[in-house]
Amino acid sequence: MKDCIFCKIAAGEIPSNKVYEDETVIAFHDLEPQAPVHVLVIPKAHIASAQEITPENSGVVAHIFEVIAKLSGELGLEKGFRVINNCGEDGMQSVQHLHFHLLGQRKMGWPPFPPEE
């Protein structure tokens, strides 16, 4: 998609602080980190959200989790980490391109966000 910021990052049109890249995915530091380690892992192909995962494109999600496992060791997350995918408006998805947040190097709470009043 020509107006998708993550597609532009994946294509190299917008710079990012990359920690990993291969032919299928790219991982880079989040601009507004919520933990000492906060990396986004995205497919290079445009998939708008988890609602658009199909048998034809689901292999990329498996690959993303393989990359997350690799990065967790490289980024010092041996004590644990959290992987988050926001989907749709109520899920607070801010960029309409499938992406996973890898957060770590701090104790995570539950629930991750306080309930609305």
N, C-alpha and C. Protein backbone atom coordinates (compact mmCIF):
# COMPACT_ATOMS: atom_id res chain seq x y z
N MET A 1 0.85 -1.19 0.00
CA MET A 1 0.00 0.00 0.00
C MET A 1 0.89 1.24 0.00
N LYS A 2 0.58 2.16 -0.86
CA LYS A 2 1.46 3.31 -1.02
C LYS A 2 1.41 4.30 0.15
N ASP A 3 0.32 4.33 0.93
CA ASP A 3 0.23 5.27 2.04
C ASP A 3 0.55 4.63 3.39
N CYS A 4 0.94 3.38 3.42
CA CYS A 4 1.21 2.67 4.67
C CYS A 4 2.64 2.96 5.14
N ILE A 5 2.75 3.53 6.34
CA ILE A 5 4.07 3.89 6.87
C ILE A 5 4.96 2.66 7.06
N PHE A 6 4.39 1.52 7.47
CA PHE A 6 5.20 0.33 7.65
C PHE A 6 5.65 -0.25 6.32
N CYS A 7 4.83 -0.14 5.28
CA CYS A 7 5.26 -0.55 3.95
C CYS A 7 6.43 0.30 3.49
N LYS A 8 6.39 1.60 3.79
CA LYS A 8 7.47 2.50 3.42
C LYS A 8 8.74 2.18 4.20
N ILE A 9 8.61 1.83 5.47
CA ILE A 9 9.79 1.41 6.26
C ILE A 9 10.36 0.13 5.67
N ALA A 10 9.50 -0.84 5.38
CA ALA A 10 9.94 -2.12 4.81
C ALA A 10 10.65 -1.93 3.48
N ALA A 11 10.19 -0.96 2.69
CA ALA A 11 10.79 -0.69 1.38
C ALA A 11 12.05 0.17 1.48
N GLY A 12 12.38 0.65 2.67
CA GLY A 12 13.55 1.50 2.84
C GLY A 12 13.32 2.95 2.49
N GLU A 13 12.06 3.34 2.28
CA GLU A 13 11.74 4.72 1.94
C GLU A 13 11.76 5.63 3.16
N ILE A 14 11.52 5.05 4.33
CA ILE A 14 11.57 5.77 5.61
C ILE A 14 12.60 5.06 6.47
N PRO A 15 13.57 5.80 7.02
CA PRO A 15 14.59 5.13 7.84
C PRO A 15 14.01 4.60 9.15
N SER A 16 14.64 3.55 9.64
CA SER A 16 14.27 2.98 10.93
C SER A 16 15.54 2.48 11.61
N ASN A 17 15.44 2.27 12.91
CA ASN A 17 16.56 1.73 13.67
C ASN A 17 16.41 0.21 13.69
N LYS A 18 16.84 -0.43 12.59
CA LYS A 18 16.65 -1.86 12.38
C LYS A 18 17.50 -2.70 13.33
N VAL A 19 16.89 -3.79 13.79
CA VAL A 19 17.63 -4.79 14.53
C VAL A 19 17.68 -6.12 13.77
N TYR A 20 16.83 -6.27 12.75
CA TYR A 20 16.79 -7.51 11.97
C TYR A 20 16.08 -7.23 10.65
N GLU A 21 16.55 -7.92 9.61
CA GLU A 21 15.85 -7.87 8.33
C GLU A 21 16.21 -9.11 7.52
N ASP A 22 15.20 -9.69 6.87
CA ASP A 22 15.42 -10.74 5.88
C ASP A 22 14.45 -10.49 4.73
N GLU A 23 14.27 -11.46 3.87
CA GLU A 23 13.42 -11.24 2.69
C GLU A 23 11.94 -11.15 3.04
N THR A 24 11.55 -11.59 4.24
CA THR A 24 10.14 -11.66 4.62
C THR A 24 9.72 -10.63 5.64
N VAL A 25 10.60 -10.33 6.60
CA VAL A 25 10.24 -9.45 7.72
C VAL A 25 11.33 -8.43 8.00
N ILE A 26 10.94 -7.43 8.75
CA ILE A 26 11.89 -6.44 9.26
C ILE A 26 11.51 -6.16 10.72
N ALA A 27 12.51 -5.93 11.55
CA ALA A 27 12.29 -5.59 12.96
C ALA A 27 13.08 -4.33 13.27
N PHE A 28 12.43 -3.43 14.00
CA PHE A 28 13.07 -2.15 14.31
C PHE A 28 12.56 -1.62 15.65
N HIS A 29 13.35 -0.73 16.25
CA HIS A 29 12.98 -0.15 17.54
C HIS A 29 11.77 0.76 17.38
N ASP A 30 10.84 0.67 18.34
CA ASP A 30 9.66 1.52 18.36
C ASP A 30 10.08 2.95 18.70
N LEU A 31 9.45 3.93 18.05
CA LEU A 31 9.77 5.34 18.31
C LEU A 31 9.27 5.82 19.67
N GLU A 32 8.28 5.13 20.23
CA GLU A 32 7.73 5.49 21.54
C GLU A 32 7.78 4.25 22.45
N PRO A 33 8.99 3.87 22.88
CA PRO A 33 9.13 2.61 23.63
C PRO A 33 8.36 2.61 24.95
N GLN A 34 7.75 1.45 25.22
CA GLN A 34 7.00 1.24 26.45
C GLN A 34 7.76 0.34 27.42
N ALA A 35 8.98 -0.02 27.07
CA ALA A 35 9.84 -0.86 27.89
C ALA A 35 11.29 -0.58 27.44
N PRO A 36 12.27 -0.97 28.26
CA PRO A 36 13.65 -0.75 27.83
C PRO A 36 13.97 -1.37 26.47
N VAL A 37 13.38 -2.51 26.17
CA VAL A 37 13.44 -3.09 24.83
C VAL A 37 12.03 -3.06 24.28
N HIS A 38 11.85 -2.39 23.15
CA HIS A 38 10.54 -2.34 22.48
C HIS A 38 10.81 -2.32 20.99
N VAL A 39 10.64 -3.49 20.38
CA VAL A 39 10.91 -3.68 18.96
C VAL A 39 9.62 -4.07 18.26
N LEU A 40 9.41 -3.55 17.07
CA LEU A 40 8.29 -3.94 16.23
C LEU A 40 8.80 -4.93 15.19
N VAL A 41 8.06 -6.01 14.99
CA VAL A 41 8.39 -7.00 13.97
C VAL A 41 7.22 -7.03 13.00
N ILE A 42 7.51 -6.75 11.71
CA ILE A 42 6.45 -6.63 10.71
C ILE A 42 6.79 -7.47 9.47
N PRO A 43 5.75 -7.95 8.80
CA PRO A 43 6.01 -8.57 7.49
C PRO A 43 6.27 -7.47 6.47
N LYS A 44 7.10 -7.77 5.49
CA LYS A 44 7.34 -6.80 4.42
C LYS A 44 6.12 -6.68 3.51
N ALA A 45 5.42 -7.79 3.30
CA ALA A 45 4.19 -7.76 2.50
C ALA A 45 3.09 -7.12 3.34
N HIS A 46 2.25 -6.34 2.71
CA HIS A 46 1.17 -5.69 3.44
C HIS A 46 0.06 -6.67 3.79
N ILE A 47 -0.14 -6.84 5.07
CA ILE A 47 -1.29 -7.55 5.65
C ILE A 47 -1.85 -6.56 6.65
N ALA A 48 -3.07 -6.13 6.49
CA ALA A 48 -3.60 -5.03 7.29
C ALA A 48 -3.70 -5.35 8.78
N SER A 49 -4.09 -6.57 9.13
CA SER A 49 -4.25 -6.91 10.54
C SER A 49 -4.32 -8.42 10.70
N ALA A 50 -4.41 -8.87 11.94
CA ALA A 50 -4.55 -10.31 12.21
C ALA A 50 -5.85 -10.85 11.61
N GLN A 51 -6.82 -9.98 11.39
CA GLN A 51 -8.08 -10.41 10.78
C GLN A 51 -7.90 -10.82 9.31
N GLU A 52 -6.78 -10.47 8.71
CA GLU A 52 -6.52 -10.79 7.31
C GLU A 52 -5.55 -11.95 7.13
N ILE A 53 -5.25 -12.67 8.21
CA ILE A 53 -4.38 -13.84 8.09
C ILE A 53 -5.18 -14.98 7.48
N THR A 54 -4.60 -15.58 6.44
CA THR A 54 -5.26 -16.65 5.69
C THR A 54 -4.30 -17.84 5.59
N PRO A 55 -4.79 -18.98 5.11
CA PRO A 55 -3.88 -20.10 4.88
C PRO A 55 -2.75 -19.74 3.90
N GLU A 56 -3.01 -18.82 2.99
CA GLU A 56 -2.00 -18.43 2.00
C GLU A 56 -0.90 -17.55 2.58
N ASN A 57 -1.20 -16.76 3.62
CA ASN A 57 -0.18 -15.85 4.15
C ASN A 57 0.22 -16.15 5.60
N SER A 58 -0.33 -17.20 6.19
CA SER A 58 -0.07 -17.46 7.62
C SER A 58 1.37 -17.89 7.91
N GLY A 59 2.08 -18.36 6.91
CA GLY A 59 3.48 -18.75 7.12
C GLY A 59 4.33 -17.59 7.60
N VAL A 60 3.98 -16.39 7.18
CA VAL A 60 4.75 -15.22 7.62
C VAL A 60 4.64 -15.02 9.13
N VAL A 61 3.49 -15.36 9.71
CA VAL A 61 3.32 -15.21 11.16
C VAL A 61 4.22 -16.21 11.90
N ALA A 62 4.29 -17.43 11.41
CA ALA A 62 5.20 -18.41 12.01
C ALA A 62 6.64 -17.91 11.92
N HIS A 63 7.00 -17.35 10.78
CA HIS A 63 8.36 -16.82 10.61
C HIS A 63 8.60 -15.65 11.57
N ILE A 64 7.62 -14.79 11.74
CA ILE A 64 7.78 -13.67 12.68
C ILE A 64 8.09 -14.20 14.07
N PHE A 65 7.41 -15.25 14.50
CA PHE A 65 7.68 -15.79 15.84
C PHE A 65 9.04 -16.47 15.91
N GLU A 66 9.53 -17.03 14.82
CA GLU A 66 10.90 -17.54 14.78
C GLU A 66 11.90 -16.39 14.96
N VAL A 67 11.63 -15.27 14.30
CA VAL A 67 12.49 -14.09 14.42
C VAL A 67 12.43 -13.55 15.85
N ILE A 68 11.24 -13.50 16.44
CA ILE A 68 11.10 -13.03 17.82
C ILE A 68 11.94 -13.91 18.76
N ALA A 69 11.90 -15.23 18.58
CA ALA A 69 12.70 -16.13 19.42
C ALA A 69 14.19 -15.81 19.28
N LYS A 70 14.64 -15.58 18.06
CA LYS A 70 16.05 -15.23 17.80
C LYS A 70 16.40 -13.89 18.46
N LEU A 71 15.55 -12.90 18.24
CA LEU A 71 15.82 -11.57 18.79
C LEU A 71 15.80 -11.55 20.31
N SER A 72 14.94 -12.37 20.91
CA SER A 72 14.86 -12.37 22.38
C SER A 72 16.22 -12.71 22.99
N GLY A 73 16.95 -13.61 22.38
CA GLY A 73 18.29 -13.93 22.87
C GLY A 73 19.28 -12.82 22.58
N GLU A 74 19.23 -12.27 21.39
CA GLU A 74 20.16 -11.21 21.00
C GLU A 74 19.94 -9.92 21.78
N LEU A 75 18.71 -9.67 22.23
CA LEU A 75 18.39 -8.41 22.92
C LEU A 75 18.39 -8.55 24.45
N GLY A 76 18.85 -9.69 24.94
CA GLY A 76 18.99 -9.87 26.38
C GLY A 76 17.68 -10.08 27.12
N LEU A 77 16.76 -10.80 26.52
CA LEU A 77 15.45 -11.00 27.13
C LEU A 77 15.30 -12.40 27.73
N GLU A 78 16.39 -12.95 28.25
CA GLU A 78 16.38 -14.30 28.79
C GLU A 78 15.41 -14.46 29.97
N LYS A 79 15.16 -13.39 30.71
CA LYS A 79 14.25 -13.47 31.87
C LYS A 79 12.78 -13.41 31.47
N GLY A 80 12.51 -13.15 30.21
CA GLY A 80 11.14 -13.12 29.72
C GLY A 80 10.85 -11.87 28.92
N PHE A 81 9.72 -11.92 28.24
CA PHE A 81 9.31 -10.80 27.39
C PHE A 81 7.83 -10.94 27.10
N ARG A 82 7.26 -9.93 26.47
CA ARG A 82 5.86 -9.95 26.05
C ARG A 82 5.80 -9.65 24.56
N VAL A 83 4.89 -10.36 23.88
CA VAL A 83 4.61 -10.10 22.47
C VAL A 83 3.16 -9.66 22.39
N ILE A 84 2.92 -8.51 21.76
CA ILE A 84 1.58 -7.95 21.66
C ILE A 84 1.24 -7.69 20.20
N ASN A 85 0.01 -8.05 19.83
CA ASN A 85 -0.54 -7.67 18.53
C ASN A 85 -1.87 -6.99 18.79
N ASN A 86 -1.98 -5.75 18.37
CA ASN A 86 -3.23 -5.01 18.47
C ASN A 86 -3.97 -5.17 17.15
N CYS A 87 -5.27 -5.44 17.25
CA CYS A 87 -6.05 -5.71 16.03
C CYS A 87 -7.33 -4.89 16.04
N GLY A 88 -7.49 -4.04 15.05
CA GLY A 88 -8.71 -3.26 14.89
C GLY A 88 -8.80 -2.08 15.84
N GLU A 89 -9.86 -1.33 15.67
CA GLU A 89 -10.07 -0.10 16.44
C GLU A 89 -10.15 -0.36 17.95
N ASP A 90 -10.98 -1.32 18.36
CA ASP A 90 -11.10 -1.60 19.79
C ASP A 90 -9.83 -2.22 20.36
N GLY A 91 -9.05 -2.86 19.52
CA GLY A 91 -7.77 -3.43 19.94
C GLY A 91 -6.65 -2.40 19.95
N MET A 92 -6.98 -1.16 19.60
CA MET A 92 -6.04 -0.04 19.59
C MET A 92 -4.92 -0.19 18.55
N GLN A 93 -5.25 -0.79 17.40
CA GLN A 93 -4.28 -0.89 16.33
C GLN A 93 -4.11 0.50 15.72
N SER A 94 -2.89 1.05 15.79
CA SER A 94 -2.66 2.41 15.32
C SER A 94 -2.16 2.47 13.88
N VAL A 95 -1.51 1.43 13.42
CA VAL A 95 -1.04 1.35 12.03
C VAL A 95 -1.69 0.13 11.41
N GLN A 96 -2.35 0.31 10.29
CA GLN A 96 -3.10 -0.77 9.64
C GLN A 96 -2.17 -1.64 8.80
N HIS A 97 -1.20 -2.22 9.46
CA HIS A 97 -0.24 -3.17 8.88
C HIS A 97 0.10 -4.11 10.02
N LEU A 98 -0.07 -5.40 9.80
CA LEU A 98 0.19 -6.39 10.83
C LEU A 98 1.56 -6.15 11.46
N HIS A 99 1.59 -6.07 12.79
CA HIS A 99 2.86 -5.90 13.48
C HIS A 99 2.76 -6.46 14.89
N PHE A 100 3.90 -6.88 15.39
CA PHE A 100 4.00 -7.45 16.72
C PHE A 100 5.00 -6.64 17.53
N HIS A 101 4.59 -6.26 18.74
CA HIS A 101 5.47 -5.55 19.66
C HIS A 101 6.20 -6.58 20.51
N LEU A 102 7.52 -6.50 20.55
CA LEU A 102 8.35 -7.32 21.42
C LEU A 102 8.85 -6.40 22.53
N LEU A 103 8.40 -6.65 23.75
CA LEU A 103 8.75 -5.79 24.89
C LEU A 103 9.47 -6.60 25.96
N GLY A 104 10.48 -6.00 26.57
CA GLY A 104 11.19 -6.71 27.62
C GLY A 104 12.14 -5.84 28.40
N GLN A 105 12.87 -6.50 29.29
CA GLN A 105 13.82 -5.92 30.23
C GLN A 105 13.13 -5.09 31.29
N ARG A 106 11.89 -5.42 31.58
CA ARG A 106 11.19 -4.89 32.75
C ARG A 106 10.09 -5.88 33.11
N LYS A 107 9.66 -5.84 34.37
CA LYS A 107 8.57 -6.70 34.84
C LYS A 107 7.27 -6.19 34.22
N MET A 108 6.52 -7.08 33.61
CA MET A 108 5.25 -6.72 32.99
C MET A 108 4.11 -6.95 33.98
N GLY A 109 3.12 -6.07 33.95
CA GLY A 109 1.95 -6.22 34.80
C GLY A 109 0.80 -6.84 34.03
N TRP A 110 -0.24 -7.22 34.76
CA TRP A 110 -1.46 -7.75 34.12
C TRP A 110 -2.65 -7.26 34.88
N PRO A 111 -3.68 -6.72 34.27
CA PRO A 111 -3.76 -6.53 32.82
C PRO A 111 -2.79 -5.45 32.36
N PRO A 112 -2.44 -5.49 31.07
CA PRO A 112 -1.45 -4.52 30.57
C PRO A 112 -1.96 -3.08 30.62
N PHE A 113 -3.27 -2.90 30.57
CA PHE A 113 -3.84 -1.56 30.64
C PHE A 113 -4.95 -1.59 31.68
N PRO A 114 -5.10 -0.53 32.44
CA PRO A 114 -6.19 -0.52 33.42
C PRO A 114 -7.55 -0.53 32.73
N PRO A 115 -8.53 -1.18 33.35
CA PRO A 115 -9.87 -1.20 32.73
C PRO A 115 -10.46 0.20 32.66
N GLU A 116 -11.29 0.43 31.64
CA GLU A 116 -11.95 1.73 31.52
C GLU A 116 -13.02 1.86 32.58
N GLU A 117 -13.18 3.04 33.04
CA GLU A 117 -14.20 3.33 34.09
C GLU A 117 -15.57 3.47 33.45
